[in-house]
Amino acid sequence: QVHLVESGGGLVQIGGSLRLSCAASGSNFRRLTMGWFRQAPGKEREEVADITEGGIPYLTKIAEGRFAISRDNAKAIVYLHMNSLKPEDTAIYCCAAMSEQGNRWANWGKGTQVTVSS
């Protein structure tokens, strides 16, 4: 079981940047693929990016060219670096940890609100 706590959200202007953090507790963080998801009001949750236990990132079309994902295994933190933010990026951003078997997103944080305004 991994407990996840996100931080770093807030109100930002169009074109601005934010860095979200997800702090994980649990001794197996190093062995887990971690991901970032978001959910906007009235929309389904969608994956933004994920990163393997070995540090290989995967960016969805949402993130390509604007966002990056990284992790610090020593601190048990995964980051989402967001640049060139748009109003459509407004959402609650949650991090998730994949099961050790690698077959499902098993643990979720409560999320952090990101609001992009003009």
C-alpha atoms as a PDB file:
ATOM      1  CA  GLN A   1       0.000   0.000   0.000  1.00  0.00           C
ATOM      2  CA  VAL A   2       1.310   3.430  -0.949  1.00  0.00           C
ATOM      3  CA  HIS A   3      -0.043   6.691   0.452  1.00  0.00           C
ATOM      4  CA  LEU A   4       0.164   9.586  -1.996  1.00  0.00           C
ATOM      5  CA  VAL A   5      -0.098  13.309  -1.298  1.00  0.00           C
ATOM      6  CA  GLU A   6      -0.044  15.889  -4.072  1.00  0.00           C
ATOM      7  CA  SER A   7       0.966  19.516  -3.789  1.00  0.00           C
ATOM      8  CA  GLY A   8       1.916  22.452  -5.968  1.00  0.00           C
ATOM      9  CA  GLY A   9      -1.382  23.288  -7.579  1.00  0.00           C
ATOM     10  CA  GLY A  10      -2.829  26.755  -7.710  1.00  0.00           C
ATOM     11  CA  LEU A  11      -4.007  29.614  -9.873  1.00  0.00           C
ATOM     12  CA  VAL A  12      -1.780  30.514 -12.816  1.00  0.00           C
ATOM     13  CA  GLN A  13      -2.144  32.735 -15.839  1.00  0.00           C
ATOM     14  CA  ILE A  14      -2.267  31.496 -19.415  1.00  0.00           C
ATOM     15  CA  GLY A  15       1.222  30.595 -20.535  1.00  0.00           C
ATOM     16  CA  GLY A  16       2.466  30.145 -16.992  1.00  0.00           C
ATOM     17  CA  SER A  17       4.161  27.197 -15.354  1.00  0.00           C
ATOM     18  CA  LEU A  18       3.643  25.001 -12.335  1.00  0.00           C
ATOM     19  CA  ARG A  19       5.453  22.085 -10.812  1.00  0.00           C
ATOM     20  CA  LEU A  20       3.280  19.510  -9.104  1.00  0.00           C
ATOM     21  CA  SER A  21       4.731  17.132  -6.541  1.00  0.00           C
ATOM     22  CA  CYS A  22       3.480  13.802  -5.337  1.00  0.00           C
ATOM     23  CA  ALA A  23       5.038  12.523  -2.133  1.00  0.00           C
ATOM     24  CA  ALA A  24       4.759   8.796  -1.550  1.00  0.00           C
ATOM     25  CA  SER A  25       5.045   6.822   1.635  1.00  0.00           C
ATOM     26  CA  GLY A  26       5.898   3.159   1.557  1.00  0.00           C
ATOM     27  CA  SER A  27       9.123   1.293   1.099  1.00  0.00           C
ATOM     28  CA  ASN A  28       8.349   0.007  -2.376  1.00  0.00           C
ATOM     29  CA  PHE A  29       8.200   3.350  -4.203  1.00  0.00           C
ATOM     30  CA  ARG A  30      11.345   2.544  -6.167  1.00  0.00           C
ATOM     31  CA  ARG A  31       9.662  -0.497  -7.694  1.00  0.00           C
ATOM     32  CA  LEU A  32       6.512   1.262  -8.859  1.00  0.00           C
ATOM     33  CA  THR A  33       5.469   2.951 -12.045  1.00  0.00           C
ATOM     34  CA  MET A  34       3.939   6.302 -11.142  1.00  0.00           C
ATOM     35  CA  GLY A  35       1.474   8.381 -13.091  1.00  0.00           C
ATOM     36  CA  TRP A  36      -0.286  11.715 -13.231  1.00  0.00           C
ATOM     37  CA  PHE A  37      -3.940  12.011 -14.188  1.00  0.00           C
ATOM     38  CA  ARG A  38      -6.378  14.883 -14.347  1.00  0.00           C
ATOM     39  CA  GLN A  39     -10.102  15.393 -14.240  1.00  0.00           C
ATOM     40  CA  ALA A  40     -11.849  18.551 -15.325  1.00  0.00           C
ATOM     41  CA  PRO A  41     -15.422  19.363 -14.257  1.00  0.00           C
ATOM     42  CA  GLY A  42     -17.912  17.316 -16.225  1.00  0.00           C
ATOM     43  CA  LYS A  43     -15.200  15.287 -17.936  1.00  0.00           C
ATOM     44  CA  GLU A  44     -13.720  11.862 -17.446  1.00  0.00           C
ATOM     45  CA  ARG A  45     -10.382  11.349 -15.798  1.00  0.00           C
ATOM     46  CA  GLU A  46      -7.522  11.175 -18.282  1.00  0.00           C
ATOM     47  CA  GLU A  47      -3.901  10.200 -18.011  1.00  0.00           C
ATOM     48  CA  VAL A  48      -1.341  12.947 -18.434  1.00  0.00           C
ATOM     49  CA  ALA A  49       1.959  11.116 -18.074  1.00  0.00           C
ATOM     50  CA  ASP A  50       3.653   8.246 -16.319  1.00  0.00           C
ATOM     51  CA  ILE A  51       7.156   7.149 -15.454  1.00  0.00           C
ATOM     52  CA  THR A  52       8.512   3.668 -14.886  1.00  0.00           C
ATOM     53  CA  GLU A  53      10.460   2.547 -11.857  1.00  0.00           C
ATOM     54  CA  GLY A  54      13.554   2.905 -14.006  1.00  0.00           C
ATOM     55  CA  GLY A  55      12.756   6.515 -14.882  1.00  0.00           C
ATOM     56  CA  ILE A  56      11.464   6.062 -18.422  1.00  0.00           C
ATOM     57  CA  PRO A  57       8.793   8.695 -19.051  1.00  0.00           C
ATOM     58  CA  TYR A  58       5.669   8.402 -21.149  1.00  0.00           C
ATOM     59  CA  LEU A  59       3.807  11.546 -22.146  1.00  0.00           C
ATOM     60  CA  THR A  60       0.307  11.453 -23.533  1.00  0.00           C
ATOM     61  CA  LYS A  61      -0.787  13.875 -26.250  1.00  0.00           C
ATOM     62  CA  ILE A  62      -1.968  16.198 -23.488  1.00  0.00           C
ATOM     63  CA  ALA A  63       1.562  16.536 -22.217  1.00  0.00           C
ATOM     64  CA  GLU A  64       3.719  16.327 -25.324  1.00  0.00           C
ATOM     65  CA  GLY A  65       5.749  19.462 -25.880  1.00  0.00           C
ATOM     66  CA  ARG A  66       4.581  21.215 -22.722  1.00  0.00           C
ATOM     67  CA  PHE A  67       4.844  18.924 -19.717  1.00  0.00           C
ATOM     68  CA  ALA A  68       7.503  16.652 -18.281  1.00  0.00           C
ATOM     69  CA  ILE A  69       7.468  13.991 -15.612  1.00  0.00           C
ATOM     70  CA  SER A  70      10.331  13.065 -13.341  1.00  0.00           C
ATOM     71  CA  ARG A  71      10.947  11.201 -10.119  1.00  0.00           C
ATOM     72  CA  ASP A  72      13.333  11.299  -7.194  1.00  0.00           C
ATOM     73  CA  ASN A  73      13.525   7.818  -5.747  1.00  0.00           C
ATOM     74  CA  ALA A  74      15.630   8.941  -2.783  1.00  0.00           C
ATOM     75  CA  LYS A  75      12.890  11.336  -1.722  1.00  0.00           C
ATOM     76  CA  ALA A  76      10.011   9.183  -2.963  1.00  0.00           C
ATOM     77  CA  ILE A  77       8.562  12.060  -4.977  1.00  0.00           C
ATOM     78  CA  VAL A  78       7.259  12.203  -8.509  1.00  0.00           C
ATOM     79  CA  TYR A  79       6.938  15.546 -10.259  1.00  0.00           C
ATOM     80  CA  LEU A  80       4.858  16.939 -13.080  1.00  0.00           C
ATOM     81  CA  HIS A  81       6.440  19.981 -14.685  1.00  0.00           C
ATOM     82  CA  MET A  82       3.855  21.975 -16.604  1.00  0.00           C
ATOM     83  CA  ASN A  83       4.647  24.807 -18.999  1.00  0.00           C
ATOM     84  CA  SER A  84       2.656  26.926 -21.459  1.00  0.00           C
ATOM     85  CA  LEU A  85      -0.502  26.303 -19.494  1.00  0.00           C
ATOM     86  CA  LYS A  86      -3.862  26.791 -21.178  1.00  0.00           C
ATOM     87  CA  PRO A  87      -7.370  27.249 -19.746  1.00  0.00           C
ATOM     88  CA  GLU A  88      -8.198  23.696 -20.848  1.00  0.00           C
ATOM     89  CA  ASP A  89      -5.522  22.430 -18.456  1.00  0.00           C
ATOM     90  CA  THR A  90      -7.738  23.492 -15.566  1.00  0.00           C
ATOM     91  CA  ALA A  91      -8.489  20.330 -13.590  1.00  0.00           C
ATOM     92  CA  ILE A  92      -7.803  18.381 -10.446  1.00  0.00           C
ATOM     93  CA  TYR A  93      -4.476  16.608 -10.924  1.00  0.00           C
ATOM     94  CA  CYS A  94      -3.933  13.320  -9.115  1.00  0.00           C
ATOM     95  CA  CYS A  95      -0.999  11.017  -8.940  1.00  0.00           C
ATOM     96  CA  ALA A  96      -1.274   7.268  -8.894  1.00  0.00           C
ATOM     97  CA  ALA A  97       0.924   4.293  -8.213  1.00  0.00           C
ATOM     98  CA  MET A  98       0.734   1.173 -10.286  1.00  0.00           C
ATOM     99  CA  SER A  99       0.532  -2.187  -8.567  1.00  0.00           C
ATOM    100  CA  GLU A 100       3.789  -4.112  -8.250  1.00  0.00           C
ATOM    101  CA  GLN A 101       2.355  -6.590 -10.720  1.00  0.00           C
ATOM    102  CA  GLY A 102       2.120  -3.733 -13.197  1.00  0.00           C
ATOM    103  CA  ASN A 103      -1.435  -4.438 -14.202  1.00  0.00           C
ATOM    104  CA  ARG A 104      -3.521  -1.625 -12.686  1.00  0.00           C
ATOM    105  CA  TRP A 105      -3.355   1.761 -11.040  1.00  0.00           C
ATOM    106  CA  ALA A 106      -3.685   0.622  -7.450  1.00  0.00           C
ATOM    107  CA  ASN A 107      -3.262   3.698  -5.238  1.00  0.00           C
ATOM    108  CA  TRP A 108      -4.411   7.270  -5.736  1.00  0.00           C
ATOM    109  CA  GLY A 109      -3.847  10.597  -4.105  1.00  0.00           C
ATOM    110  CA  LYS A 110      -6.650  13.051  -3.440  1.00  0.00           C
ATOM    111  CA  GLY A 111      -5.399  15.544  -5.962  1.00  0.00           C
ATOM    112  CA  THR A 112      -4.424  19.166  -6.271  1.00  0.00           C
ATOM    113  CA  GLN A 113      -6.395  21.837  -8.118  1.00  0.00           C
ATOM    114  CA  VAL A 114      -4.840  23.623 -11.069  1.00  0.00           C
ATOM    115  CA  THR A 115      -6.680  26.625 -12.452  1.00  0.00           C
ATOM    116  CA  VAL A 116      -5.462  28.482 -15.524  1.00  0.00           C
ATOM    117  CA  SER A 117      -7.043  31.855 -16.061  1.00  0.00           C
ATOM    118  CA  SER A 118      -6.656  34.817 -18.316  1.00  0.00           C
END
